């Protein structure tokens, strides 16, 4: 199942900590309730992105893995 995202962050080819740093900057610029799709290739994002969401209060709506690409749908918390 794929969700329609309001914004996309492509972090393919980047390694830890760059995907989460980019995610932090991107989320800061989004409106509350926005659905962001993150595309990454670094396996450490499987650990880092859920922790990021939990720590900052964003909702990890869905995550998938497709042939070495990791997909995340994150809803920015309501402020």
N, C-alpha and C. Protein backbone atom coordinates (compact mmCIF):
# COMPACT_ATOMS: atom_id res chain seq x y z
N UNK A 1 0.84 -1.19 0.00
CA UNK A 1 0.00 0.00 0.00
C UNK A 1 0.88 1.24 0.00
N UNK A 2 0.52 2.19 -0.82
CA UNK A 2 1.30 3.42 -0.92
C UNK A 2 0.40 4.60 -0.56
N UNK A 3 0.94 5.52 0.18
CA UNK A 3 0.20 6.69 0.63
C UNK A 3 0.60 7.91 -0.21
N UNK A 4 -0.34 8.79 -0.45
CA UNK A 4 -0.05 10.03 -1.17
C UNK A 4 0.59 11.03 -0.22
N UNK A 5 1.83 11.34 -0.47
CA UNK A 5 2.58 12.26 0.40
C UNK A 5 2.40 13.70 -0.07
N UNK A 6 2.45 14.61 0.88
CA UNK A 6 2.40 16.04 0.58
C UNK A 6 3.78 16.55 0.16
N UNK A 7 4.83 15.88 0.62
CA UNK A 7 6.21 16.27 0.32
C UNK A 7 7.07 15.01 0.30
N UNK A 8 8.20 15.08 -0.42
CA UNK A 8 9.11 13.94 -0.53
C UNK A 8 10.52 14.40 -0.19
N UNK A 9 11.21 13.56 0.58
CA UNK A 9 12.63 13.77 0.89
C UNK A 9 13.38 12.58 0.32
N UNK A 10 14.24 12.83 -0.66
CA UNK A 10 15.03 11.77 -1.27
C UNK A 10 16.43 11.78 -0.67
N UNK A 11 16.71 10.77 0.16
CA UNK A 11 18.02 10.66 0.82
C UNK A 11 18.79 9.46 0.28
N UNK A 12 18.48 9.05 -0.94
CA UNK A 12 19.17 7.90 -1.51
C UNK A 12 20.66 8.21 -1.69
N UNK A 13 21.47 7.21 -1.39
CA UNK A 13 22.91 7.35 -1.53
C UNK A 13 23.60 8.01 -0.34
N UNK A 14 22.85 8.47 0.62
CA UNK A 14 23.43 9.13 1.79
C UNK A 14 23.53 8.15 2.95
N UNK A 15 24.55 8.31 3.76
CA UNK A 15 24.77 7.42 4.91
C UNK A 15 24.60 8.19 6.21
N UNK A 16 24.37 7.43 7.27
CA UNK A 16 24.18 7.97 8.61
C UNK A 16 25.32 8.94 8.95
N UNK A 17 25.02 10.09 9.47
CA UNK A 17 23.75 10.59 9.98
C UNK A 17 22.98 11.48 9.00
N UNK A 18 23.44 11.57 7.74
CA UNK A 18 22.86 12.53 6.79
C UNK A 18 21.35 12.39 6.56
N UNK A 19 20.80 11.16 6.38
CA UNK A 19 19.35 11.09 6.15
C UNK A 19 18.53 11.68 7.29
N UNK A 20 18.91 11.42 8.53
CA UNK A 20 18.14 11.95 9.66
C UNK A 20 18.36 13.46 9.81
N UNK A 21 19.55 13.92 9.51
CA UNK A 21 19.79 15.37 9.56
C UNK A 21 18.93 16.08 8.52
N UNK A 22 18.86 15.52 7.31
CA UNK A 22 18.03 16.10 6.26
C UNK A 22 16.55 16.03 6.66
N UNK A 23 16.15 14.92 7.26
CA UNK A 23 14.77 14.76 7.71
C UNK A 23 14.42 15.83 8.75
N UNK A 24 15.31 16.05 9.68
CA UNK A 24 15.08 17.05 10.72
C UNK A 24 14.85 18.43 10.10
N UNK A 25 15.69 18.79 9.14
CA UNK A 25 15.56 20.09 8.48
C UNK A 25 14.28 20.19 7.66
N UNK A 26 13.93 19.11 6.97
CA UNK A 26 12.74 19.10 6.12
C UNK A 26 11.47 19.23 6.96
N UNK A 27 11.39 18.45 8.04
CA UNK A 27 10.20 18.46 8.90
C UNK A 27 9.99 19.85 9.50
N UNK A 28 11.06 20.51 9.83
CA UNK A 28 10.98 21.85 10.42
C UNK A 28 10.24 22.82 9.49
N UNK A 29 10.40 22.63 8.18
CA UNK A 29 9.80 23.54 7.20
C UNK A 29 8.37 23.18 6.81
N UNK A 30 7.87 22.02 7.27
CA UNK A 30 6.54 21.57 6.88
C UNK A 30 5.47 22.05 7.86
N UNK A 31 4.25 22.17 7.36
CA UNK A 31 3.12 22.52 8.21
C UNK A 31 2.72 21.31 9.05
N UNK A 32 2.13 21.57 10.21
CA UNK A 32 1.67 20.50 11.09
C UNK A 32 0.66 19.63 10.34
N UNK A 33 0.78 18.32 10.52
CA UNK A 33 -0.14 17.38 9.88
C UNK A 33 0.26 16.97 8.47
N UNK A 34 1.32 17.54 7.94
CA UNK A 34 1.79 17.21 6.60
C UNK A 34 2.34 15.78 6.57
N UNK A 35 2.05 15.07 5.48
CA UNK A 35 2.58 13.71 5.30
C UNK A 35 3.81 13.78 4.41
N UNK A 36 4.93 13.33 4.95
CA UNK A 36 6.22 13.35 4.25
C UNK A 36 6.64 11.93 3.92
N UNK A 37 7.05 11.73 2.67
CA UNK A 37 7.60 10.44 2.25
C UNK A 37 9.12 10.58 2.21
N UNK A 38 9.82 9.66 2.87
CA UNK A 38 11.27 9.65 2.87
C UNK A 38 11.74 8.41 2.10
N UNK A 39 12.68 8.62 1.19
CA UNK A 39 13.27 7.54 0.42
C UNK A 39 14.74 7.48 0.81
N UNK A 40 15.19 6.31 1.27
CA UNK A 40 16.58 6.17 1.73
C UNK A 40 17.14 4.82 1.30
N UNK A 41 18.47 4.73 1.27
CA UNK A 41 19.13 3.47 0.95
C UNK A 41 20.02 2.99 2.09
N UNK A 42 20.19 3.79 3.12
CA UNK A 42 21.02 3.42 4.26
C UNK A 42 20.21 2.53 5.21
N UNK A 43 20.66 1.28 5.44
CA UNK A 43 19.93 0.39 6.33
C UNK A 43 19.78 0.92 7.76
N UNK A 44 20.65 1.79 8.21
CA UNK A 44 20.55 2.33 9.57
C UNK A 44 19.30 3.19 9.75
N UNK A 45 18.67 3.61 8.64
CA UNK A 45 17.44 4.39 8.77
C UNK A 45 16.31 3.55 9.37
N UNK A 46 16.40 2.23 9.26
CA UNK A 46 15.38 1.36 9.86
C UNK A 46 15.33 1.55 11.37
N UNK A 47 16.46 1.89 11.95
CA UNK A 47 16.55 2.16 13.39
C UNK A 47 16.37 3.65 13.67
N UNK A 48 17.04 4.47 12.89
CA UNK A 48 17.12 5.91 13.19
C UNK A 48 15.82 6.66 12.96
N UNK A 49 15.11 6.38 11.89
CA UNK A 49 13.90 7.14 11.59
C UNK A 49 12.77 6.85 12.58
N UNK A 50 12.51 5.57 12.94
CA UNK A 50 11.50 5.36 13.98
C UNK A 50 11.85 6.04 15.31
N UNK A 51 13.14 6.02 15.68
CA UNK A 51 13.56 6.69 16.92
C UNK A 51 13.37 8.20 16.82
N UNK A 52 13.68 8.75 15.66
CA UNK A 52 13.50 10.18 15.41
C UNK A 52 12.03 10.56 15.64
N UNK A 53 11.13 9.77 15.04
CA UNK A 53 9.69 10.06 15.16
C UNK A 53 9.23 9.95 16.61
N UNK A 54 9.66 8.90 17.29
CA UNK A 54 9.27 8.69 18.68
C UNK A 54 9.76 9.83 19.57
N UNK A 55 11.01 10.22 19.37
CA UNK A 55 11.63 11.24 20.20
C UNK A 55 10.98 12.61 20.01
N UNK A 56 10.63 12.94 18.75
CA UNK A 56 10.10 14.27 18.46
C UNK A 56 8.57 14.32 18.36
N UNK A 57 7.91 13.17 18.48
CA UNK A 57 6.45 13.15 18.52
C UNK A 57 5.76 13.11 17.17
N UNK A 58 6.50 12.80 16.10
CA UNK A 58 5.88 12.66 14.79
C UNK A 58 5.35 11.23 14.64
N UNK A 59 4.38 11.04 13.75
CA UNK A 59 3.79 9.72 13.56
C UNK A 59 4.44 9.01 12.38
N UNK A 60 5.02 7.84 12.64
CA UNK A 60 5.53 7.00 11.56
C UNK A 60 4.34 6.20 11.06
N UNK A 61 3.74 6.66 9.99
CA UNK A 61 2.50 6.08 9.48
C UNK A 61 2.75 4.72 8.86
N UNK A 62 3.84 4.62 8.11
CA UNK A 62 4.13 3.37 7.41
C UNK A 62 5.60 3.33 7.03
N UNK A 63 6.15 2.12 6.96
CA UNK A 63 7.49 1.95 6.43
C UNK A 63 7.53 0.67 5.61
N UNK A 64 8.33 0.70 4.54
CA UNK A 64 8.45 -0.43 3.63
C UNK A 64 9.89 -0.56 3.19
N UNK A 65 10.22 -1.75 2.70
CA UNK A 65 11.53 -1.97 2.08
C UNK A 65 11.29 -2.60 0.73
N UNK A 66 11.92 -2.03 -0.29
CA UNK A 66 11.79 -2.55 -1.65
C UNK A 66 13.18 -2.62 -2.28
N UNK A 67 13.72 -3.82 -2.37
CA UNK A 67 15.00 -4.06 -3.05
C UNK A 67 16.10 -3.11 -2.60
N UNK A 68 16.30 -3.00 -1.29
CA UNK A 68 17.38 -2.17 -0.75
C UNK A 68 17.05 -0.70 -0.62
N UNK A 69 15.82 -0.33 -0.94
CA UNK A 69 15.36 1.04 -0.74
C UNK A 69 14.35 1.04 0.39
N UNK A 70 14.52 1.96 1.31
CA UNK A 70 13.66 2.05 2.48
C UNK A 70 12.74 3.26 2.33
N UNK A 71 11.46 3.01 2.52
CA UNK A 71 10.45 4.05 2.34
C UNK A 71 9.74 4.29 3.67
N UNK A 72 9.55 5.55 3.99
CA UNK A 72 8.90 5.94 5.24
C UNK A 72 7.87 7.01 4.97
N UNK A 73 6.72 6.92 5.61
CA UNK A 73 5.72 7.97 5.55
C UNK A 73 5.56 8.50 6.96
N UNK A 74 5.85 9.78 7.12
CA UNK A 74 5.87 10.42 8.44
C UNK A 74 4.88 11.59 8.44
N UNK A 75 4.01 11.60 9.43
CA UNK A 75 3.08 12.74 9.58
C UNK A 75 3.63 13.65 10.68
N UNK A 76 3.87 14.91 10.29
CA UNK A 76 4.38 15.87 11.26
C UNK A 76 3.35 16.10 12.36
N UNK A 77 3.85 16.14 13.58
CA UNK A 77 2.95 16.31 14.73
C UNK A 77 2.19 17.62 14.65
N UNK A 78 1.02 17.59 15.25
CA UNK A 78 0.22 18.81 15.34
C UNK A 78 0.84 19.69 16.42
N UNK A 79 1.00 20.95 16.12
CA UNK A 79 1.69 21.83 17.06
C UNK A 79 0.75 22.55 17.98
